[in-house]
Every structure is written in structure tokens, then in C-alpha cells.
Amino acid sequence: MKRICQRCNVISQDFNLWCQEKYCPAENATEIFDDGEWFGPIEIIQPIVIARSAIVYHARRGEEDILLKVANVGCEEKLRFEANTFLQLAKAGQHPLLPVLLPAHPQGSIENHPYGWTVINGRLKYYEVFKYAEGTILRNLLLNNPQPWYQHAGWIILSISDVIFFLHKAGKLHLCLNPDVILVRYDKKGIPRPMLLDLGVGNSGQNIFEIWNSNYNLPAYTAPEIADGRTGVGPATDVYGMGMLLYEMLAGRPAVEYHLKKDDAVVRNVLDGNFKSSGRIDLKNIPQIAEKAISRQYNLRFQDVLSFAQSLQPNFPPIPAERKPASINWRMIFIVLGSLLAISLLLLLAFSAVPQ
């Protein structure tokens, strides 16, 4: 087991962590479970993403592969809120681009156990369990290819926009969009199929500043109206998050640079709202759509995700439908095999009855 500082990205291999930054609460650093270690009755296979609010693992419970999401220190309430939101949304109809929540305890019901808790090294750890889904975190894809094909970028954003619009219709706001919360799988034809691994933290009409925690999202992707702690939030706040993701894939760099920078310096840049043009003069009006979406002023953006997606959609061909593998009709197979066996027996009896 290792420990990681979510602010300084320092990782200790021996569980002891010391950080030179005075503002950094190293004693509350997050544990990272290694391959083959156990989280209660769940075996860890490998970490998938280490985000500020949680760590998502590929894990195994019994004979079943799962996604295990463990809340980081100080983000337990966010995970509990998210689990209850997943449960609520699933009752209304599971969105295909959201992970499927499973009961936290295999013998328990999902209604009673949408999340679980266990004690690890004397610390109470809250977690969620999801049906396993293949893919690579968007941040890792962008590390290998910072500027993906613009059509793939558009398809990813339009797909995630559909999920965010689904949340908005349910009275939820995300507010925490960044490349760490999107899992991307490429199908057999090379079409990106994204999944949103995180539901964010907000309800429409809620005073977000009563519950907001600086660990809920990376400052570079946090909308100015949240960063300044004074103005309200709404659907256009999630437009900002979608625009940040689109801008980064178009430009090959984040709109707000944050690597090797302290949080307060990043927040100042967010509040300034200054970013360089993406430089993509080859892409019609797509860069202008992204730049409008990340305007510093709330009322200068697209006012909702639907209008953002509608402006973006004409610039891309329709997302190809994915062909599902044909299901095997075992009943029909058994009927055919039984019929062939019966015919074989009849032929065998007929030949044995012929006089030699």
C-alpha cells in the first residue's frame, strides 16, 4: 500500500508521507492499494484513476470483476451523495453512458446498501461498487495523444453532453467535470464510446458553497463562479466543464495550465479567464464554440448543455450506432442438438435392424 498527496502528487512507497508544503495536510493523505491487496473482501487488480475526490480500481469480488470507487479523505459526503443519486437515476431508467451501480455488499440489496464502508488501518473508508466496464481514462489518452482527431473529440463531447443533459433533467448539476472522470472505450471500428464515472455534487437550487470542498475538483477545471465563492451556479456551469474538455482536445493543452503549480496560482488564472486561442483555424467554427463555452462570465456562455450540443452537432457526422454482439439462443441450440441426436439414434436402430 502506498500513500499519495492529492495536492502535491507526492507518492510514498512505504506508507509514510512527508510533504514540504506548509499548507498540505499530509497526515490526511490518501492510501493507494496495490495489485493483489485486499480492500475488505474485495481483491484489488489495479488502480484505474487517482482523482482528487476518489480512486477507482479494477477489482474482483468473488468471481465477478467490478469497478471499486473509494472516497479520498474529506470527500466521503460526495461519494454518499453520488451513490444515492445513482440509485435514484437507475430507478428512472439507466443511462447507457453511466456505470451500473451494484450493492456494496453482495448479499445486501442495492436500496439498503448503495454504498458501503469498511475500516482500513484504523480509518473509515467509504466506497461504491459498479459493474465492470472496459476503457481508458481520458486523461491517460490525452497524455499519449494530446490532440486526438477532432471528430473523435466531438463525438466524446456530444456523448458526455447527453449524459449531463440527462442529469440536468433529473434536477442534478455535475460541477466537477475533468479528464479524470471520463472512461473511454474504443469499439471494434475504432469509435470512441465514453462513460461518465462520476456524478458530481450538486442539486439544482442548492447553495453549492455550503457543501463545496476544494478536493471535489481540480482548480483548473472548476468554473470561475465556483472558484470565486460568491456567485451562483447553474446549467452553464456544466457548459464550462464541457467546453474545457473540448478546448483541451482541440488545442492539445488545457485552457488553464496547472502542472507543477499551486492551487492558489491556478485559481487566480481561472478567475482571470485568460486563455490562448486554440489555434485551430482548420476547423470551421468548432474552436469558437469551445471558447464561448469557457467564457469567464456566466451569461456569455451557452446557457444550457442542450444549446451547446446543438451548436456543436452540425459540425460532425452522426455518431455511428454500435452493433451489439449477437446473443446466443441456447434453447434453440439444445433443441437442434437434441433433434440431431434423436435422428442419429433412429438411423442407428434402423441400420442395426437390417439383416446381415
Foldseek 3Di string as FASTA:
>chain_A
DWWAFQFQRDIDPVNDDDDPDPVGPRVQTFDDDDQQDDDVQKGFHHWQFDALFWTWTFIDHDNATKIKIKGGPPNQVQVVVFLVVLVVVVVVPDDPQEFAWDFCDPVDHCVVGSKDWDADPNDIIIMTITHDDDFHQQVVVLVVPQAPDLQLLLVVLLQVLVVQVVQVVVQFHAQAADSRQKGWDQDPVRRTRIHGHHRHHGGPPDLCLVPDDPSRHQLLQGALQVLVPPDDDDQLRVLLNSLQSSLRNLLSHGQQDDPPHGRVVSSVCNLVQDGDQSPCPPQPCSSVLSSQSNGNDSVSHPVHSVVSSVVSVVSHDDRDDDDDPDDDPVVVVVVVVVVVVVVVVVVVVVVVPDDD
